[in-house]
Amino acid sequence: MTAQQYHIPVMLGPCIEGLAIDPNGIYVDLTFGGGGHSLEILKHLDKGHLYGFDQDSDAEANVPSDERFTFIQANFRDFKKYLRLYGVQKVDGILADLGISSHQIDEPKRGFSTRFDGNLDMRMSSDMDISAKEVLNTYEEGRLHKIFGIYGEIKNAKTLAQAIASERTMKPFSTTEEFKELLKKFAPRGKEFKYFAQVFQALRIEVNDEMGALEDMLKQTLEVLKPEGRLVIMSYHSLEDRLVKNFISKGKFQGEVEKDFYGNLIRPLEPVTRKARVADAEEIQRNNRARSAKLRIAKKL
């Protein structure tokens, strides 16, 4: 399987441009996946080095044979610790493409896709303790309501949670198709696919603690980036993008901004672009998964 088949990298050119690569610098690709972004970064390196992270063991099949590249199978929420193990204290640039890979979506047994029947799994790594099946069959109704309301932005989250709690007493949920049969009863007419996608997104975020991992990762970038080092983050839904935007603009995930005695904003990062970059029409036509991508670029002050 080629990297292109595994996952088509989104906004490849703007990502590389955002990193402002020093040929002799040290870079980190926190979401290696199919290796598309990493392979392009390597083209711009001379004596530099690239560290690629991915918690999915399937990604290791895409690792290039290049002495300038090191693959680390781990969740990016622990990336600082692993870099330290390799003797790396500071880096020149960090890239993270927060989207789920095409390979994961298109593999029915992983349970990520609404298009195929598969196990209710949704784990990014097989080492994770809890799957979507456990969430649906064991979480109390109130917790399910919260997950669907916050992570999926589902308007009828409470009703759906009640239905799940009732249905599972008769027969526990096991496959994606079984779960979709229930969802069909609550999806707005004509917007079924969007509704399925929102519910599946909510489950996936919960199973993989994606928001917690993102916060952990972003905090570490401040310790690892050199002054003037670049942070390039691509997100695909409003929850992620809000966290990234606040972190870059305020140095916090929420709350009031800090100012010095003269009223100047105190923040560790400076946005390189005022607004998030989005894919152009040509790329969206070529790769539909680029339509919701938002790219934010910052440099360490």
Protein backbone atom coordinates (compact mmCIF):
# COMPACT_ATOMS: atom_id res chain seq x y z
CA MET A 1 0.00 0.00 0.00
CA THR A 2 1.42 3.39 -1.00
CA ALA A 3 1.24 6.45 1.20
CA GLN A 4 -1.21 7.99 -1.26
CA GLN A 5 -3.54 4.99 -0.93
CA TYR A 6 -3.21 5.02 2.86
CA HIS A 7 -3.99 8.71 3.21
CA ILE A 8 -3.88 11.67 0.80
CA PRO A 9 -2.14 14.52 2.66
CA VAL A 10 -4.31 17.62 2.93
CA MET A 11 -2.92 21.09 2.08
CA LEU A 12 0.55 19.61 1.63
CA GLY A 13 2.10 22.74 0.10
CA PRO A 14 0.79 25.19 2.75
CA CYS A 15 1.90 22.81 5.54
CA ILE A 16 5.47 22.66 4.24
CA GLU A 17 5.48 26.40 3.61
CA GLY A 18 4.24 26.97 7.17
CA LEU A 19 7.11 24.97 8.66
CA ALA A 20 9.65 27.28 6.96
CA ILE A 21 12.09 24.35 6.91
CA ASP A 22 15.76 24.78 7.78
CA PRO A 23 17.61 22.03 5.85
CA ASN A 24 19.68 21.29 8.95
CA GLY A 25 16.86 21.59 11.47
CA ILE A 26 15.01 19.05 13.61
CA TYR A 27 11.32 18.51 12.87
CA VAL A 28 8.45 16.45 14.24
CA ASP A 29 5.47 15.01 12.37
CA LEU A 30 3.09 14.09 15.19
CA THR A 31 0.60 12.32 12.90
CA PHE A 32 2.72 10.22 10.52
CA GLY A 33 -0.13 8.09 9.08
CA GLY A 34 0.61 7.37 5.44
CA GLY A 35 3.78 9.43 5.56
CA GLY A 36 2.71 11.98 2.96
CA HIS A 37 3.70 15.04 4.94
CA SER A 38 6.86 13.38 6.29
CA LEU A 39 8.11 12.40 2.84
CA GLU A 40 7.72 16.00 1.68
CA ILE A 41 9.54 17.34 4.75
CA LEU A 42 12.43 14.95 4.07
CA LYS A 43 12.80 16.41 0.57
CA HIS A 44 13.66 19.74 2.20
CA LEU A 45 16.17 18.37 4.73
CA ASP A 46 19.92 18.07 4.27
CA LYS A 47 21.63 17.22 7.56
CA GLY A 48 18.44 17.73 9.52
CA HIS A 49 16.31 15.02 11.13
CA LEU A 50 12.61 14.20 11.25
CA TYR A 51 10.80 12.29 14.01
CA GLY A 52 7.45 10.78 13.06
CA PHE A 53 4.83 9.73 15.63
CA ASP A 54 1.76 7.54 15.21
CA GLN A 55 -0.08 5.41 17.74
CA ASP A 56 -1.56 3.18 15.01
CA SER A 57 0.72 0.18 14.37
CA ASP A 58 -0.56 0.02 10.76
CA ALA A 59 1.33 3.24 10.01
CA GLU A 60 4.70 1.54 10.49
CA ALA A 61 4.31 -0.12 7.08
CA ASN A 62 4.74 3.34 5.49
CA VAL A 63 8.02 4.24 7.23
CA PRO A 64 10.66 5.36 4.68
CA SER A 65 14.11 3.84 4.64
CA ASP A 66 15.95 7.07 5.40
CA GLU A 67 18.62 7.61 8.06
CA ARG A 68 17.26 11.14 8.57
CA PHE A 69 13.92 9.71 9.79
CA THR A 70 12.95 8.06 13.09
CA PHE A 71 9.52 6.48 13.61
CA ILE A 72 8.06 6.36 17.12
CA GLN A 73 4.89 4.35 17.73
CA ALA A 74 3.22 6.38 20.48
CA ASN A 75 0.35 8.74 21.18
CA PHE A 76 1.39 12.31 20.48
CA ARG A 77 0.27 13.34 23.97
CA ASP A 78 3.59 11.83 25.15
CA PHE A 79 5.82 13.20 22.41
CA LYS A 80 8.09 15.32 24.65
CA LYS A 81 8.96 12.28 26.77
CA TYR A 82 9.86 10.19 23.72
CA LEU A 83 11.94 12.94 22.14
CA ARG A 84 13.91 13.17 25.39
CA LEU A 85 14.66 9.44 25.12
CA TYR A 86 16.31 10.22 21.78
CA GLY A 87 18.25 13.09 23.32
CA VAL A 88 16.14 15.76 21.63
CA GLN A 89 15.43 18.82 23.79
CA LYS A 90 14.40 21.43 21.21
CA VAL A 91 13.07 21.30 17.64
CA ASP A 92 12.62 23.77 14.78
CA GLY A 93 9.12 22.79 13.77
CA ILE A 94 6.12 20.63 14.71
CA LEU A 95 3.36 19.45 12.36
CA ALA A 96 0.09 17.75 13.33
CA ASP A 97 -2.69 16.76 10.94
CA LEU A 98 -5.51 15.91 13.34
CA GLY A 99 -7.70 14.18 10.74
CA ILE A 100 -8.39 10.48 10.87
CA SER A 101 -6.55 8.73 8.02
CA SER A 102 -8.30 7.40 4.93
CA HIS A 103 -6.90 3.97 5.76
CA GLN A 104 -8.58 3.90 9.16
CA ILE A 105 -11.90 5.06 7.73
CA ASP A 106 -11.81 2.58 4.85
CA GLU A 107 -10.93 -0.44 7.03
CA PRO A 108 -14.36 -1.89 8.02
CA LYS A 109 -13.05 -3.83 11.03
CA ARG A 110 -11.87 -0.58 12.66
CA GLY A 111 -15.47 0.62 12.96
CA PHE A 112 -14.75 4.28 12.12
CA SER A 113 -16.86 4.51 8.99
CA THR A 114 -20.61 4.92 8.64
CA ARG A 115 -20.35 3.32 5.17
CA PHE A 116 -19.31 -0.20 6.18
CA ASP A 117 -20.53 -2.74 8.68
CA GLY A 118 -17.87 -3.55 11.25
CA ASN A 119 -17.15 -3.95 14.93
CA LEU A 120 -17.95 -0.99 17.15
CA ASP A 121 -14.27 -0.41 17.84
CA MET A 122 -13.00 3.09 16.85
CA ARG A 123 -9.71 2.77 18.74
CA MET A 124 -6.78 4.57 17.12
CA SER A 125 -4.50 2.05 18.81
CA SER A 126 -5.29 -1.56 19.72
CA ASP A 127 -3.57 -0.92 23.07
CA MET A 128 -6.42 1.30 24.23
CA ASP A 129 -8.65 -0.12 26.93
CA ILE A 130 -12.09 1.03 25.84
CA SER A 131 -13.87 0.73 22.48
CA ALA A 132 -17.07 2.29 21.11
CA LYS A 133 -18.86 -0.92 22.07
CA GLU A 134 -18.03 -0.41 25.75
CA VAL A 135 -19.07 3.24 25.58
CA LEU A 136 -22.49 2.44 24.12
CA ASN A 137 -23.17 -0.58 26.31
CA THR A 138 -21.82 0.56 29.69
CA TYR A 139 -21.83 4.36 29.97
CA GLU A 140 -24.69 5.77 32.00
CA GLU A 141 -27.36 7.71 30.12
CA GLY A 142 -26.27 11.14 31.40
CA ARG A 143 -22.70 10.58 30.27
CA LEU A 144 -23.84 9.52 26.78
CA HIS A 145 -26.02 12.65 26.61
CA LYS A 146 -22.97 14.81 27.38
CA ILE A 147 -20.74 13.04 24.83
CA PHE A 148 -23.22 13.38 21.96
CA GLY A 149 -24.10 16.95 22.88
CA ILE A 150 -20.55 18.27 23.28
CA TYR A 151 -18.45 16.12 20.94
CA GLY A 152 -21.07 15.54 18.25
CA GLU A 153 -23.11 18.73 18.68
CA ILE A 154 -26.24 16.59 18.35
CA LYS A 155 -29.44 18.54 18.99
CA ASN A 156 -31.44 15.54 20.20
CA ALA A 157 -28.55 14.15 22.29
CA LYS A 158 -30.70 13.52 25.37
CA THR A 159 -33.37 11.58 23.43
CA LEU A 160 -30.70 9.53 21.67
CA ALA A 161 -28.97 8.69 24.97
CA GLN A 162 -32.30 7.54 26.44
CA ALA A 163 -32.96 5.32 23.41
CA ILE A 164 -29.49 3.73 23.60
CA ALA A 165 -29.91 2.99 27.32
CA SER A 166 -33.29 1.37 26.62
CA GLU A 167 -32.23 -0.60 23.53
CA ARG A 168 -29.11 -2.14 25.08
CA THR A 169 -31.13 -3.75 27.90
CA MET A 170 -32.71 -6.01 25.30
CA LYS A 171 -29.60 -6.57 23.18
CA PRO A 172 -26.14 -5.00 23.58
CA PHE A 173 -24.78 -3.13 20.56
CA SER A 174 -22.10 -5.06 18.67
CA THR A 175 -21.73 -3.72 15.10
CA THR A 176 -21.92 -0.38 13.35
CA GLU A 177 -24.95 -1.50 11.32
CA GLU A 178 -26.87 -2.45 14.47
CA PHE A 179 -26.17 0.97 15.90
CA LYS A 180 -27.12 2.75 12.67
CA GLU A 181 -30.51 1.01 12.69
CA LEU A 182 -31.25 2.83 15.92
CA LEU A 183 -29.80 6.12 14.66
CA LYS A 184 -32.10 6.08 11.63
CA LYS A 185 -35.06 6.66 13.96
CA PHE A 186 -33.59 9.92 15.22
CA ALA A 187 -31.76 11.36 12.20
CA PRO A 188 -33.34 14.45 10.58
CA ARG A 189 -34.94 13.57 7.25
CA GLY A 190 -32.56 14.17 4.37
CA LYS A 191 -29.62 14.69 6.74
CA GLU A 192 -29.10 11.10 7.81
CA PHE A 193 -25.48 10.84 6.67
CA LYS A 194 -24.47 14.03 8.48
CA TYR A 195 -26.21 12.83 11.64
CA PHE A 196 -24.45 9.44 11.52
CA ALA A 197 -21.12 11.22 11.01
CA GLN A 198 -21.69 13.51 14.02
CA VAL A 199 -22.60 10.61 16.31
CA PHE A 200 -19.65 8.50 15.14
CA GLN A 201 -17.34 11.51 15.61
CA ALA A 202 -18.55 11.92 19.19
CA LEU A 203 -17.88 8.25 19.96
CA ARG A 204 -14.44 8.35 18.35
CA ILE A 205 -13.43 11.45 20.32
CA GLU A 206 -14.53 9.81 23.58
CA VAL A 207 -12.89 6.43 22.88
CA ASN A 208 -9.53 8.03 22.06
CA ASP A 209 -9.74 10.96 24.51
CA GLU A 210 -8.88 13.16 21.54
CA MET A 211 -9.53 16.51 23.20
CA GLY A 212 -7.46 15.61 26.26
CA ALA A 213 -4.63 14.33 24.07
CA LEU A 214 -4.73 17.51 21.97
CA GLU A 215 -4.46 19.74 25.06
CA ASP A 216 -1.56 17.67 26.41
CA MET A 217 0.23 17.85 23.08
CA LEU A 218 -0.22 21.58 22.58
CA LYS A 219 1.13 22.39 26.06
CA GLN A 220 4.29 20.41 25.30
CA THR A 221 4.94 22.27 22.05
CA LEU A 222 5.84 25.37 24.08
CA GLU A 223 8.58 23.46 25.91
CA VAL A 224 9.94 21.72 22.84
CA LEU A 225 9.91 24.44 20.17
CA LYS A 226 12.98 26.67 19.78
CA PRO A 227 12.44 30.45 19.66
CA GLU A 228 11.08 31.24 16.17
CA GLY A 229 10.19 27.54 15.79
CA ARG A 230 7.03 26.82 13.80
CA LEU A 231 3.83 25.07 14.91
CA VAL A 232 1.59 23.84 12.08
CA ILE A 233 -1.76 22.32 13.09
CA MET A 234 -4.57 21.13 10.82
CA SER A 235 -7.96 20.42 12.39
CA TYR A 236 -11.22 19.10 10.96
CA HIS A 237 -13.99 20.05 13.35
CA SER A 238 -14.87 23.14 15.37
CA LEU A 239 -13.99 21.65 18.77
CA GLU A 240 -10.38 21.01 17.74
CA ASP A 241 -10.03 24.26 15.84
CA ARG A 242 -11.34 26.30 18.78
CA LEU A 243 -8.72 24.76 21.08
CA VAL A 244 -5.92 25.37 18.60
CA LYS A 245 -7.05 28.92 17.82
CA ASN A 246 -7.29 29.88 21.51
CA PHE A 247 -3.95 28.29 22.31
CA ILE A 248 -2.17 30.16 19.53
CA SER A 249 -3.86 33.52 20.15
CA LYS A 250 -3.95 33.49 23.97
CA GLY A 251 -1.60 30.75 25.14
CA LYS A 252 -4.66 29.26 26.86
CA PHE A 253 -7.52 27.02 25.86
CA GLN A 254 -10.13 29.39 27.26
CA GLY A 255 -10.49 32.38 29.57
CA GLU A 256 -9.19 35.92 29.58
CA VAL A 257 -6.01 36.96 27.83
CA GLU A 258 -3.03 38.15 29.87
CA LYS A 259 -1.51 41.58 29.30
CA ASP A 260 1.61 43.28 30.60
CA PHE A 261 1.79 46.63 32.43
CA TYR A 262 1.62 48.48 29.09
CA GLY A 263 -1.39 46.55 27.84
CA ASN A 264 0.55 44.33 25.44
CA LEU A 265 -0.71 40.79 24.99
CA ILE A 266 1.36 38.16 26.82
CA ARG A 267 1.46 34.97 24.80
CA PRO A 268 4.09 32.38 23.95
CA LEU A 269 3.09 32.01 20.29
CA GLU A 270 2.38 34.43 17.47
CA PRO A 271 0.00 33.55 14.61
CA VAL A 272 1.79 33.57 11.24
CA THR A 273 -1.50 33.91 9.40
CA ARG A 274 -4.38 35.97 10.84
CA LYS A 275 -7.05 33.51 9.74
CA ALA A 276 -7.02 29.75 9.35
CA ARG A 277 -6.11 28.60 5.84
CA VAL A 278 -8.55 26.36 4.00
CA ALA A 279 -8.17 24.10 0.98
CA ASP A 280 -8.95 25.56 -2.43
CA ALA A 281 -11.79 24.30 -4.65
CA GLU A 282 -9.42 22.24 -6.80
CA GLU A 283 -8.06 20.30 -3.82
CA ILE A 284 -11.52 19.74 -2.36
CA GLN A 285 -12.67 18.33 -5.71
CA ARG A 286 -9.63 16.04 -5.75
CA ASN A 287 -9.87 15.06 -2.07
CA ASN A 288 -13.29 15.53 -0.47
CA ARG A 289 -11.83 15.10 3.03
CA ALA A 290 -10.05 18.45 2.65
CA ARG A 291 -13.35 20.38 2.69
CA SER A 292 -13.50 20.77 6.47
CA ALA A 293 -9.76 21.24 7.10
CA LYS A 294 -8.50 24.39 8.82
CA LEU A 295 -4.76 25.07 8.93
CA ARG A 296 -3.28 27.30 11.62
CA ILE A 297 0.40 28.29 11.72
CA ALA A 298 2.26 29.95 14.59
CA LYS A 299 5.82 30.69 15.65
CA LYS A 300 7.33 30.54 19.12
CA LEU A 301 8.16 33.97 20.53
